[in-house]
Amino acid sequence: MKYKIKSRIWIESDHGVFLGEGRVRLLKAIAKTGSLSQAAKCLGMSYKKAWNLLNSMNTIGNRPLVTTAIGGKGGGGASLTAYGEEVIQTFDEINQKCWEFLDHELHKVSL
């Protein structure tokens, strides 16, 4: 019999959840689209939910992950800060290393 191991990682502070898979997907969508509203639309979430998640990350983080510009004649926008890019990369690395470790450990059970 072949087994699979499932895991989800998130990072919390005393103030709540800072980062998780869904929040990282939102950050990546912002980086791709340059817009919080477009990122929310791509992910099938409401703008309000996306804004709340982003505000939470920017508040809990050591520094803002995303900067935003209010819309208007030229339109608004959103872009990742250098810190936001670092956080995504670090989270992805943590996830990859965790999955590799868990797969290795699962192999012991599958013998």
PDB file of N, CA and C in Angstrom:
ATOM      1  N   MET A   1       0.836  -1.173   0.000  1.00  0.00           N
ATOM      2  CA  MET A   1       0.000   0.000   0.000  1.00  0.00           C
ATOM      3  C   MET A   1       0.883   1.239   0.000  1.00  0.00           C
ATOM      4  N   LYS A   2       0.483   2.216  -0.796  1.00  0.00           N
ATOM      5  CA  LYS A   2       1.238   3.464  -0.868  1.00  0.00           C
ATOM      6  C   LYS A   2       0.556   4.503   0.020  1.00  0.00           C
ATOM      7  N   TYR A   3       1.359   5.174   0.833  1.00  0.00           N
ATOM      8  CA  TYR A   3       0.836   6.189   1.739  1.00  0.00           C
ATOM      9  C   TYR A   3       1.235   7.579   1.274  1.00  0.00           C
ATOM     10  N   LYS A   4       0.425   8.539   1.656  1.00  0.00           N
ATOM     11  CA  LYS A   4       0.735   9.952   1.425  1.00  0.00           C
ATOM     12  C   LYS A   4       0.652  10.653   2.769  1.00  0.00           C
ATOM     13  N   ILE A   5       1.470  11.639   2.941  1.00  0.00           N
ATOM     14  CA  ILE A   5       1.406  12.428   4.163  1.00  0.00           C
ATOM     15  C   ILE A   5       0.938  13.834   3.790  1.00  0.00           C
ATOM     16  N   LYS A   6       0.075  14.389   4.610  1.00  0.00           N
ATOM     17  CA  LYS A   6      -0.477  15.716   4.356  1.00  0.00           C
ATOM     18  C   LYS A   6      -0.049  16.641   5.490  1.00  0.00           C
ATOM     19  N   SER A   7       0.244  17.874   5.142  1.00  0.00           N
ATOM     20  CA  SER A   7       0.673  18.835   6.144  1.00  0.00           C
ATOM     21  C   SER A   7       0.420  20.245   5.644  1.00  0.00           C
ATOM     22  N   ARG A   8       0.068  21.114   6.559  1.00  0.00           N
ATOM     23  CA  ARG A   8      -0.057  22.544   6.261  1.00  0.00           C
ATOM     24  C   ARG A   8       0.718  23.292   7.329  1.00  0.00           C
ATOM     25  N   ILE A   9       1.481  24.262   6.890  1.00  0.00           N
ATOM     26  CA  ILE A   9       2.297  25.038   7.812  1.00  0.00           C
ATOM     27  C   ILE A   9       1.804  26.474   7.803  1.00  0.00           C
ATOM     28  N   TRP A  10       1.785  27.070   8.966  1.00  0.00           N
ATOM     29  CA  TRP A  10       1.529  28.491   9.059  1.00  0.00           C
ATOM     30  C   TRP A  10       2.389  29.065  10.166  1.00  0.00           C
ATOM     31  N   ILE A  11       2.618  30.348  10.080  1.00  0.00           N
ATOM     32  CA  ILE A  11       3.459  31.033  11.053  1.00  0.00           C
ATOM     33  C   ILE A  11       2.566  31.979  11.846  1.00  0.00           C
ATOM     34  N   GLU A  12       2.645  31.874  13.173  1.00  0.00           N
ATOM     35  CA  GLU A  12       1.835  32.698  14.052  1.00  0.00           C
ATOM     36  C   GLU A  12       2.717  33.576  14.919  1.00  0.00           C
ATOM     37  N   SER A  13       2.132  34.648  15.408  1.00  0.00           N
ATOM     38  CA  SER A  13       2.761  35.474  16.430  1.00  0.00           C
ATOM     39  C   SER A  13       1.771  35.553  17.587  1.00  0.00           C
ATOM     40  N   ASP A  14       2.120  36.294  18.597  1.00  0.00           N
ATOM     41  CA  ASP A  14       1.189  36.502  19.707  1.00  0.00           C
ATOM     42  C   ASP A  14      -0.056  37.254  19.252  1.00  0.00           C
ATOM     43  N   HIS A  15       0.016  37.878  18.088  1.00  0.00           N
ATOM     44  CA  HIS A  15      -1.089  38.688  17.574  1.00  0.00           C
ATOM     45  C   HIS A  15      -1.939  37.952  16.550  1.00  0.00           C
ATOM     46  N   GLY A  16      -1.640  36.696  16.279  1.00  0.00           N
ATOM     47  CA  GLY A  16      -2.434  35.918  15.342  1.00  0.00           C
ATOM     48  C   GLY A  16      -1.595  35.337  14.220  1.00  0.00           C
ATOM     49  N   VAL A  17      -2.291  34.807  13.220  1.00  0.00           N
ATOM     50  CA  VAL A  17      -1.621  34.186  12.078  1.00  0.00           C
ATOM     51  C   VAL A  17      -0.944  35.269  11.246  1.00  0.00           C
ATOM     52  N   PHE A  18       0.325  35.054  10.974  1.00  0.00           N
ATOM     53  CA  PHE A  18       1.091  35.964  10.134  1.00  0.00           C
ATOM     54  C   PHE A  18       1.081  35.483   8.690  1.00  0.00           C
ATOM     55  N   LEU A  19       1.392  34.202   8.496  1.00  0.00           N
ATOM     56  CA  LEU A  19       1.581  33.692   7.149  1.00  0.00           C
ATOM     57  C   LEU A  19       1.144  32.242   7.063  1.00  0.00           C
ATOM     58  N   GLY A  20       0.559  31.892   5.945  1.00  0.00           N
ATOM     59  CA  GLY A  20       0.162  30.531   5.653  1.00  0.00           C
ATOM     60  C   GLY A  20       0.066  30.373   4.151  1.00  0.00           C
ATOM     61  N   GLU A  21      -0.310  29.198   3.722  1.00  0.00           N
ATOM     62  CA  GLU A  21      -0.350  28.904   2.291  1.00  0.00           C
ATOM     63  C   GLU A  21      -1.271  29.856   1.524  1.00  0.00           C
ATOM     64  N   GLY A  22      -2.455  30.115   2.048  1.00  0.00           N
ATOM     65  CA  GLY A  22      -3.395  31.004   1.378  1.00  0.00           C
ATOM     66  C   GLY A  22      -2.886  32.432   1.299  1.00  0.00           C
ATOM     67  N   ARG A  23      -2.261  32.888   2.366  1.00  0.00           N
ATOM     68  CA  ARG A  23      -1.729  34.244   2.382  1.00  0.00           C
ATOM     69  C   ARG A  23      -0.564  34.383   1.406  1.00  0.00           C
ATOM     70  N   VAL A  24       0.246  33.332   1.298  1.00  0.00           N
ATOM     71  CA  VAL A  24       1.351  33.366   0.337  1.00  0.00           C
ATOM     72  C   VAL A  24       0.800  33.370  -1.087  1.00  0.00           C
ATOM     73  N   ARG A  25      -0.270  32.612  -1.338  1.00  0.00           N
ATOM     74  CA  ARG A  25      -0.901  32.642  -2.666  1.00  0.00           C
ATOM     75  C   ARG A  25      -1.380  34.053  -2.999  1.00  0.00           C
ATOM     76  N   LEU A  26      -1.932  34.737  -1.998  1.00  0.00           N
ATOM     77  CA  LEU A  26      -2.379  36.111  -2.216  1.00  0.00           C
ATOM     78  C   LEU A  26      -1.194  37.018  -2.551  1.00  0.00           C
ATOM     79  N   LEU A  27      -0.118  36.893  -1.799  1.00  0.00           N
ATOM     80  CA  LEU A  27       1.067  37.708  -2.078  1.00  0.00           C
ATOM     81  C   LEU A  27       1.603  37.448  -3.488  1.00  0.00           C
ATOM     82  N   LYS A  28       1.655  36.193  -3.883  1.00  0.00           N
ATOM     83  CA  LYS A  28       2.140  35.853  -5.221  1.00  0.00           C
ATOM     84  C   LYS A  28       1.219  36.413  -6.303  1.00  0.00           C
ATOM     85  N   ALA A  29      -0.086  36.394  -6.047  1.00  0.00           N
ATOM     86  CA  ALA A  29      -1.036  36.936  -7.018  1.00  0.00           C
ATOM     87  C   ALA A  29      -0.895  38.455  -7.115  1.00  0.00           C
ATOM     88  N   ILE A  30      -0.621  39.105  -6.000  1.00  0.00           N
ATOM     89  CA  ILE A  30      -0.384  40.551  -6.029  1.00  0.00           C
ATOM     90  C   ILE A  30       0.867  40.852  -6.857  1.00  0.00           C
ATOM     91  N   ALA A  31       1.909  40.070  -6.642  1.00  0.00           N
ATOM     92  CA  ALA A  31       3.146  40.263  -7.406  1.00  0.00           C
ATOM     93  C   ALA A  31       2.892  40.087  -8.904  1.00  0.00           C
ATOM     94  N   LYS A  32       2.057  39.129  -9.239  1.00  0.00           N
ATOM     95  CA  LYS A  32       1.786  38.831 -10.653  1.00  0.00           C
ATOM     96  C   LYS A  32       0.896  39.889 -11.300  1.00  0.00           C
ATOM     97  N   THR A  33      -0.133  40.337 -10.583  1.00  0.00           N
ATOM     98  CA  THR A  33      -1.117  41.239 -11.186  1.00  0.00           C
ATOM     99  C   THR A  33      -0.842  42.718 -10.914  1.00  0.00           C
ATOM    100  N   GLY A  34      -0.092  43.016  -9.851  1.00  0.00           N
ATOM    101  CA  GLY A  34       0.152  44.408  -9.491  1.00  0.00           C
ATOM    102  C   GLY A  34      -1.060  45.093  -8.893  1.00  0.00           C
ATOM    103  N   SER A  35      -2.032  44.275  -8.444  1.00  0.00           N
ATOM    104  CA  SER A  35      -3.281  44.832  -7.952  1.00  0.00           C
ATOM    105  C   SER A  35      -3.887  43.901  -6.903  1.00  0.00           C
ATOM    106  N   LEU A  36      -4.315  44.472  -5.796  1.00  0.00           N
ATOM    107  CA  LEU A  36      -4.981  43.670  -4.763  1.00  0.00           C
ATOM    108  C   LEU A  36      -6.333  43.173  -5.265  1.00  0.00           C
ATOM    109  N   SER A  37      -7.079  44.021  -5.944  1.00  0.00           N
ATOM    110  CA  SER A  37      -8.396  43.595  -6.428  1.00  0.00           C
ATOM    111  C   SER A  37      -8.265  42.506  -7.487  1.00  0.00           C
ATOM    112  N   GLN A  38      -7.292  42.633  -8.397  1.00  0.00           N
ATOM    113  CA  GLN A  38      -7.089  41.595  -9.407  1.00  0.00           C
ATOM    114  C   GLN A  38      -6.589  40.294  -8.780  1.00  0.00           C
ATOM    115  N   ALA A  39      -5.731  40.417  -7.780  1.00  0.00           N
ATOM    116  CA  ALA A  39      -5.236  39.225  -7.078  1.00  0.00           C
ATOM    117  C   ALA A  39      -6.400  38.496  -6.411  1.00  0.00           C
ATOM    118  N   ALA A  40      -7.267  39.247  -5.746  1.00  0.00           N
ATOM    119  CA  ALA A  40      -8.434  38.648  -5.092  1.00  0.00           C
ATOM    120  C   ALA A  40      -9.315  37.950  -6.118  1.00  0.00           C
ATOM    121  N   LYS A  41      -9.539  38.608  -7.237  1.00  0.00           N
ATOM    122  CA  LYS A  41     -10.382  38.036  -8.294  1.00  0.00           C
ATOM    123  C   LYS A  41      -9.773  36.735  -8.818  1.00  0.00           C
ATOM    124  N   CYS A  42      -8.461  36.725  -9.046  1.00  0.00           N
ATOM    125  CA  CYS A  42      -7.784  35.517  -9.532  1.00  0.00           C
ATOM    126  C   CYS A  42      -7.927  34.347  -8.567  1.00  0.00           C
ATOM    127  N   LEU A  43      -7.971  34.670  -7.287  1.00  0.00           N
ATOM    128  CA  LEU A  43      -8.051  33.623  -6.258  1.00  0.00           C
ATOM    129  C   LEU A  43      -9.489  33.299  -5.859  1.00  0.00           C
ATOM    130  N   GLY A  44     -10.443  33.992  -6.450  1.00  0.00           N
ATOM    131  CA  GLY A  44     -11.846  33.738  -6.139  1.00  0.00           C
ATOM    132  C   GLY A  44     -12.232  34.178  -4.734  1.00  0.00           C
ATOM    133  N   MET A  45     -11.602  35.238  -4.250  1.00  0.00           N
ATOM    134  CA  MET A  45     -11.947  35.744  -2.918  1.00  0.00           C
ATOM    135  C   MET A  45     -12.423  37.184  -3.037  1.00  0.00           C
ATOM    136  N   SER A  46     -13.170  37.606  -2.058  1.00  0.00           N
ATOM    137  CA  SER A  46     -13.665  38.973  -2.073  1.00  0.00           C
ATOM    138  C   SER A  46     -12.518  39.947  -1.827  1.00  0.00           C
ATOM    139  N   TYR A  47     -12.697  41.161  -2.309  1.00  0.00           N
ATOM    140  CA  TYR A  47     -11.700  42.206  -2.075  1.00  0.00           C
ATOM    141  C   TYR A  47     -11.557  42.458  -0.583  1.00  0.00           C
ATOM    142  N   LYS A  48     -12.676  42.449   0.136  1.00  0.00           N
ATOM    143  CA  LYS A  48     -12.652  42.691   1.587  1.00  0.00           C
ATOM    144  C   LYS A  48     -11.804  41.649   2.303  1.00  0.00           C
ATOM    145  N   LYS A  49     -11.977  40.384   1.937  1.00  0.00           N
ATOM    146  CA  LYS A  49     -11.177  39.333   2.574  1.00  0.00           C
ATOM    147  C   LYS A  49      -9.697  39.521   2.239  1.00  0.00           C
ATOM    148  N   ALA A  50      -9.400  39.805   0.981  1.00  0.00           N
ATOM    149  CA  ALA A  50      -8.007  40.006   0.568  1.00  0.00           C
ATOM    150  C   ALA A  50      -7.404  41.191   1.322  1.00  0.00           C
ATOM    151  N   TRP A  51      -8.159  42.272   1.431  1.00  0.00           N
ATOM    152  CA  TRP A  51      -7.674  43.459   2.138  1.00  0.00           C
ATOM    153  C   TRP A  51      -7.415  43.128   3.612  1.00  0.00           C
ATOM    154  N   ASN A  52      -8.332  42.381   4.235  1.00  0.00           N
ATOM    155  CA  ASN A  52      -8.157  42.009   5.647  1.00  0.00           C
ATOM    156  C   ASN A  52      -6.918  41.139   5.840  1.00  0.00           C
ATOM    157  N   LEU A  53      -6.695  40.189   4.952  1.00  0.00           N
ATOM    158  CA  LEU A  53      -5.509  39.337   5.049  1.00  0.00           C
ATOM    159  C   LEU A  53      -4.241  40.157   4.877  1.00  0.00           C
ATOM    160  N   LEU A  54      -4.239  41.024   3.883  1.00  0.00           N
ATOM    161  CA  LEU A  54      -3.069  41.858   3.620  1.00  0.00           C
ATOM    162  C   LEU A  54      -2.799  42.806   4.791  1.00  0.00           C
ATOM    163  N   ASN A  55      -3.833  43.427   5.306  1.00  0.00           N
ATOM    164  CA  ASN A  55      -3.685  44.326   6.437  1.00  0.00           C
ATOM    165  C   ASN A  55      -3.137  43.586   7.652  1.00  0.00           C
ATOM    166  N   SER A  56      -3.613  42.377   7.866  1.00  0.00           N
ATOM    167  CA  SER A  56      -3.126  41.557   8.975  1.00  0.00           C
ATOM    168  C   SER A  56      -1.644  41.242   8.821  1.00  0.00           C
ATOM    169  N   MET A  57      -1.237  40.834   7.617  1.00  0.00           N
ATOM    170  CA  MET A  57       0.172  40.511   7.385  1.00  0.00           C
ATOM    171  C   MET A  57       1.052  41.749   7.561  1.00  0.00           C
ATOM    172  N   ASN A  58       0.606  42.873   7.014  1.00  0.00           N
ATOM    173  CA  ASN A  58       1.386  44.099   7.124  1.00  0.00           C
ATOM    174  C   ASN A  58       1.479  44.583   8.571  1.00  0.00           C
ATOM    175  N   THR A  59       0.449  44.319   9.360  1.00  0.00           N
ATOM    176  CA  THR A  59       0.435  44.743  10.764  1.00  0.00           C
ATOM    177  C   THR A  59       1.291  43.825  11.629  1.00  0.00           C
ATOM    178  N   ILE A  60       1.171  42.524  11.421  1.00  0.00           N
ATOM    179  CA  ILE A  60       1.881  41.549  12.248  1.00  0.00           C
ATOM    180  C   ILE A  60       3.350  41.429  11.861  1.00  0.00           C
ATOM    181  N   GLY A  61       3.659  41.632  10.598  1.00  0.00           N
ATOM    182  CA  GLY A  61       5.040  41.492  10.130  1.00  0.00           C
ATOM    183  C   GLY A  61       5.960  42.545  10.711  1.00  0.00           C
ATOM    184  N   ASN A  62       7.244  42.267  10.639  1.00  0.00           N
ATOM    185  CA  ASN A  62       8.236  43.230  11.116  1.00  0.00           C
ATOM    186  C   ASN A  62       8.232  44.507  10.290  1.00  0.00           C
ATOM    187  N   ARG A  63       7.895  44.354   9.022  1.00  0.00           N
ATOM    188  CA  ARG A  63       7.811  45.468   8.079  1.00  0.00           C
ATOM    189  C   ARG A  63       6.670  45.149   7.111  1.00  0.00           C
ATOM    190  N   PRO A  64       6.169  46.117   6.382  1.00  0.00           N
ATOM    191  CA  PRO A  64       5.119  45.833   5.402  1.00  0.00           C
ATOM    192  C   PRO A  64       5.609  44.870   4.311  1.00  0.00           C
ATOM    193  N   LEU A  65       4.731  43.962   3.906  1.00  0.00           N
ATOM    194  CA  LEU A  65       5.029  43.025   2.834  1.00  0.00           C
ATOM    195  C   LEU A  65       4.600  43.575   1.484  1.00  0.00           C
ATOM    196  N   VAL A  66       3.607  44.451   1.508  1.00  0.00           N
ATOM    197  CA  VAL A  66       3.039  45.003   0.284  1.00  0.00           C
ATOM    198  C   VAL A  66       2.801  46.494   0.491  1.00  0.00           C
ATOM    199  N   THR A  67       3.059  47.260  -0.543  1.00  0.00           N
ATOM    200  CA  THR A  67       2.689  48.663  -0.537  1.00  0.00           C
ATOM    201  C   THR A  67       1.540  48.840  -1.526  1.00  0.00           C
ATOM    202  N   THR A  68       0.633  49.739  -1.201  1.00  0.00           N
ATOM    203  CA  THR A  68      -0.523  49.971  -2.064  1.00  0.00           C
ATOM    204  C   THR A  68      -0.617  51.441  -2.417  1.00  0.00           C
ATOM    205  N   ALA A  69      -1.216  51.682  -3.570  1.00  0.00           N
ATOM    206  CA  ALA A  69      -1.509  53.045  -4.009  1.00  0.00           C
ATOM    207  C   ALA A  69      -3.004  53.119  -4.260  1.00  0.00           C
ATOM    208  N   ILE A  70      -3.633  54.146  -3.752  1.00  0.00           N
ATOM    209  CA  ILE A  70      -5.073  54.303  -3.901  1.00  0.00           C
ATOM    210  C   ILE A  70      -5.399  54.584  -5.361  1.00  0.00           C
ATOM    211  N   GLY A  71      -6.504  53.995  -5.814  1.00  0.00           N
ATOM    212  CA  GLY A  71      -6.935  54.169  -7.203  1.00  0.00           C
ATOM    213  C   GLY A  71      -7.343  55.592  -7.488  1.00  0.00           C
ATOM    214  N   GLY A  72      -7.639  55.831  -8.684  1.00  0.00           N
ATOM    215  CA  GLY A  72      -8.024  57.165  -9.124  1.00  0.00           C
ATOM    216  C   GLY A  72      -7.934  57.224 -10.623  1.00  0.00           C
ATOM    217  N   LYS A  73      -7.644  58.383 -11.141  1.00  0.00           N
ATOM    218  CA  LYS A  73      -7.581  58.558 -12.593  1.00  0.00           C
ATOM    219  C   LYS A  73      -6.582  57.606 -13.236  1.00  0.00           C
ATOM    220  N   GLY A  74      -5.383  57.497 -12.651  1.00  0.00           N
ATOM    221  CA  GLY A  74      -4.361  56.603 -13.198  1.00  0.00           C
ATOM    222  C   GLY A  74      -4.467  55.188 -12.674  1.00  0.00           C
ATOM    223  N   GLY A  75      -5.400  54.950 -11.760  1.00  0.00           N
ATOM    224  CA  GLY A  75      -5.555  53.628 -11.166  1.00  0.00           C
ATOM    225  C   GLY A  75      -4.602  53.435 -10.008  1.00  0.00           C
ATOM    226  N   GLY A  76      -4.950  52.538  -9.137  1.00  0.00           N
ATOM    227  CA  GLY A  76      -4.117  52.240  -7.974  1.00  0.00           C
ATOM    228  C   GLY A  76      -3.171  51.108  -8.303  1.00  0.00           C
ATOM    229  N   GLY A  77      -2.770  50.426  -7.280  1.00  0.00           N
ATOM    230  CA  GLY A  77      -1.896  49.293  -7.500  1.00  0.00           C
ATOM    231  C   GLY A  77      -1.348  48.780  -6.196  1.00  0.00           C
ATOM    232  N   ALA A  78      -0.691  47.675  -6.275  1.00  0.00           N
ATOM    233  CA  ALA A  78      -0.070  47.047  -5.117  1.00  0.00           C
ATOM    234  C   ALA A  78       1.190  46.350  -5.598  1.00  0.00           C
ATOM    235  N   SER A  79       2.210  46.391  -4.767  1.00  0.00           N
ATOM    236  CA  SER A  79       3.445  45.692  -5.129  1.00  0.00           C
ATOM    237  C   SER A  79       4.122  45.180  -3.868  1.00  0.00           C
ATOM    238  N   LEU A  80       4.832  44.078  -4.050  1.00  0.00           N
ATOM    239  CA  LEU A  80       5.561  43.492  -2.928  1.00  0.00           C
ATOM    240  C   LEU A  80       6.760  44.360  -2.584  1.00  0.00           C
ATOM    241  N   THR A  81       7.038  44.435  -1.307  1.00  0.00           N
ATOM    242  CA  THR A  81       8.281  45.061  -0.867  1.00  0.00           C
ATOM    243  C   THR A  81       9.378  44.007  -0.938  1.00  0.00           C
ATOM    244  N   ALA A  82      10.609  44.423  -0.758  1.00  0.00           N
ATOM    245  CA  ALA A  82      11.713  43.455  -0.725  1.00  0.00           C
ATOM    246  C   ALA A  82      11.481  42.463   0.410  1.00  0.00           C
ATOM    247  N   TYR A  83      10.975  42.955   1.536  1.00  0.00           N
ATOM    248  CA  TYR A  83      10.668  42.075   2.672  1.00  0.00           C
ATOM    249  C   TYR A  83       9.598  41.057   2.281  1.00  0.00           C
ATOM    250  N   GLY A  84       8.575  41.503   1.549  1.00  0.00           N
ATOM    251  CA  GLY A  84       7.522  40.585   1.097  1.00  0.00           C
ATOM    252  C   GLY A  84       8.074  39.480   0.214  1.00  0.00           C
ATOM    253  N   GLU A  85       8.982  39.842  -0.682  1.00  0.00           N
ATOM    254  CA  GLU A  85       9.606  38.835  -1.545  1.00  0.00           C
ATOM    255  C   GLU A  85      10.435  37.844  -0.732  1.00  0.00           C
ATOM    256  N   GLU A  86      11.161  38.352   0.260  1.00  0.00           N
ATOM    257  CA  GLU A  86      11.972  37.482   1.128  1.00  0.00           C
ATOM    258  C   GLU A  86      11.092  36.528   1.924  1.00  0.00           C
ATOM    259  N   VAL A  87       9.973  37.034   2.420  1.00  0.00           N
ATOM    260  CA  VAL A  87       9.058  36.218   3.222  1.00  0.00           C
ATOM    261  C   VAL A  87       8.487  35.077   2.386  1.00  0.00           C
ATOM    262  N   ILE A  88       8.087  35.371   1.152  1.00  0.00           N
ATOM    263  CA  ILE A  88       7.567  34.318   0.268  1.00  0.00           C
ATOM    264  C   ILE A  88       8.630  33.255   0.023  1.00  0.00           C
ATOM    265  N   GLN A  89       9.828  33.685  -0.312  1.00  0.00           N
ATOM    266  CA  GLN A  89      10.911  32.739  -0.597  1.00  0.00           C
ATOM    267  C   GLN A  89      11.205  31.879   0.633  1.00  0.00           C
ATOM    268  N   THR A  90      11.276  32.488   1.791  1.00  0.00           N
ATOM    269  CA  THR A  90      11.563  31.747   3.023  1.00  0.00           C
ATOM    270  C   THR A  90      10.443  30.764   3.333  1.00  0.00           C
ATOM    271  N   PHE A  91       9.199  31.200   3.193  1.00  0.00           N
ATOM    272  CA  PHE A  91       8.066  30.309   3.457  1.00  0.00           C
ATOM    273  C   PHE A  91       8.089  29.118   2.509  1.00  0.00           C
ATOM    274  N   ASP A  92       8.347  29.363   1.223  1.00  0.00           N
ATOM    275  CA  ASP A  92       8.409  28.272   0.250  1.00  0.00           C
ATOM    276  C   ASP A  92       9.541  27.294   0.580  1.00  0.00           C
ATOM    277  N   GLU A  93      10.677  27.821   1.024  1.00  0.00           N
ATOM    278  CA  GLU A  93      11.795  26.949   1.412  1.00  0.00           C
ATOM    279  C   GLU A  93      11.453  26.118   2.643  1.00  0.00           C
ATOM    280  N   ILE A  94      10.815  26.724   3.617  1.00  0.00           N
ATOM    281  CA  ILE A  94      10.400  25.991   4.820  1.00  0.00           C
ATOM    282  C   ILE A  94       9.454  24.862   4.426  1.00  0.00           C
ATOM    283  N   ASN A  95       8.482  25.178   3.585  1.00  0.00           N
ATOM    284  CA  ASN A  95       7.532  24.160   3.137  1.00  0.00           C
ATOM    285  C   ASN A  95       8.229  23.018   2.419  1.00  0.00           C
ATOM    286  N   GLN A  96       9.121  23.357   1.494  1.00  0.00           N
ATOM    287  CA  GLN A  96       9.823  22.320   0.735  1.00  0.00           C
ATOM    288  C   GLN A  96      10.630  21.410   1.648  1.00  0.00           C
ATOM    289  N   LYS A  97      11.361  21.995   2.565  1.00  0.00           N
ATOM    290  CA  LYS A  97      12.170  21.199   3.494  1.00  0.00           C
ATOM    291  C   LYS A  97      11.290  20.347   4.401  1.00  0.00           C
ATOM    292  N   CYS A  98      10.166  20.892   4.813  1.00  0.00           N
ATOM    293  CA  CYS A  98       9.241  20.131   5.649  1.00  0.00           C
ATOM    294  C   CYS A  98       8.690  18.931   4.887  1.00  0.00           C
ATOM    295  N   TRP A  99       8.254  19.145   3.638  1.00  0.00           N
ATOM    296  CA  TRP A  99       7.720  18.040   2.840  1.00  0.00           C
ATOM    297  C   TRP A  99       8.774  16.969   2.614  1.00  0.00           C
ATOM    298  N   GLU A 100      10.007  17.383   2.327  1.00  0.00           N
ATOM    299  CA  GLU A 100      11.080  16.407   2.138  1.00  0.00           C
ATOM    300  C   GLU A 100      11.302  15.591   3.411  1.00  0.00           C
ATOM    301  N   PHE A 101      11.323  16.263   4.551  1.00  0.00           N
ATOM    302  CA  PHE A 101      11.494  15.558   5.825  1.00  0.00           C
ATOM    303  C   PHE A 101      10.334  14.595   6.065  1.00  0.00           C
ATOM    304  N   LEU A 102       9.115  15.059   5.863  1.00  0.00           N
ATOM    305  CA  LEU A 102       7.947  14.211   6.113  1.00  0.00           C
ATOM    306  C   LEU A 102       7.918  13.014   5.169  1.00  0.00           C
ATOM    307  N   ASP A 103       8.260  13.217   3.899  1.00  0.00           N
ATOM    308  CA  ASP A 103       8.323  12.104   2.945  1.00  0.00           C
ATOM    309  C   ASP A 103       9.376  11.087   3.384  1.00  0.00           C
ATOM    310  N   HIS A 104      10.503  11.574   3.859  1.00  0.00           N
ATOM    311  CA  HIS A 104      11.565  10.687   4.334  1.00  0.00           C
ATOM    312  C   HIS A 104      11.081   9.877   5.526  1.00  0.00           C
ATOM    313  N   GLU A 105      10.424  10.525   6.464  1.00  0.00           N
ATOM    314  CA  GLU A 105       9.915   9.836   7.650  1.00  0.00           C
ATOM    315  C   GLU A 105       8.810   8.862   7.291  1.00  0.00           C
ATOM    316  N   LEU A 106       7.949   9.231   6.357  1.00  0.00           N
ATOM    317  CA  LEU A 106       6.856   8.358   5.933  1.00  0.00           C
ATOM    318  C   LEU A 106       7.397   7.080   5.310  1.00  0.00           C
ATOM    319  N   HIS A 107       8.513   7.210   4.621  1.00  0.00           N
ATOM    320  CA  HIS A 107       9.133   6.041   3.999  1.00  0.00           C
ATOM    321  C   HIS A 107       9.395   4.942   5.033  1.00  0.00           C
ATOM    322  N   LYS A 108       9.728   5.341   6.248  1.00  0.00           N
ATOM    323  CA  LYS A 108       9.974   4.364   7.314  1.00  0.00           C
ATOM    324  C   LYS A 108       8.735   3.559   7.633  1.00  0.00           C
ATOM    325  N   VAL A 109       7.588   4.190   7.553  1.00  0.00           N
ATOM    326  CA  VAL A 109       6.312   3.520   7.828  1.00  0.00           C
ATOM    327  C   VAL A 109       5.916   2.615   6.674  1.00  0.00           C
ATOM    328  N   SER A 110       6.304   2.982   5.478  1.00  0.00           N
ATOM    329  CA  SER A 110       5.891   2.267   4.273  1.00  0.00           C
ATOM    330  C   SER A 110       6.717   1.027   3.987  1.00  0.00           C
ATOM    331  N   LEU A 111       7.744   0.761   4.776  1.00  0.00           N
ATOM    332  CA  LEU A 111       8.614  -0.389   4.507  1.00  0.00           C
ATOM    333  C   LEU A 111       7.901  -1.695   4.612  1.00  0.00           C
TER     334      LEU A 111
END
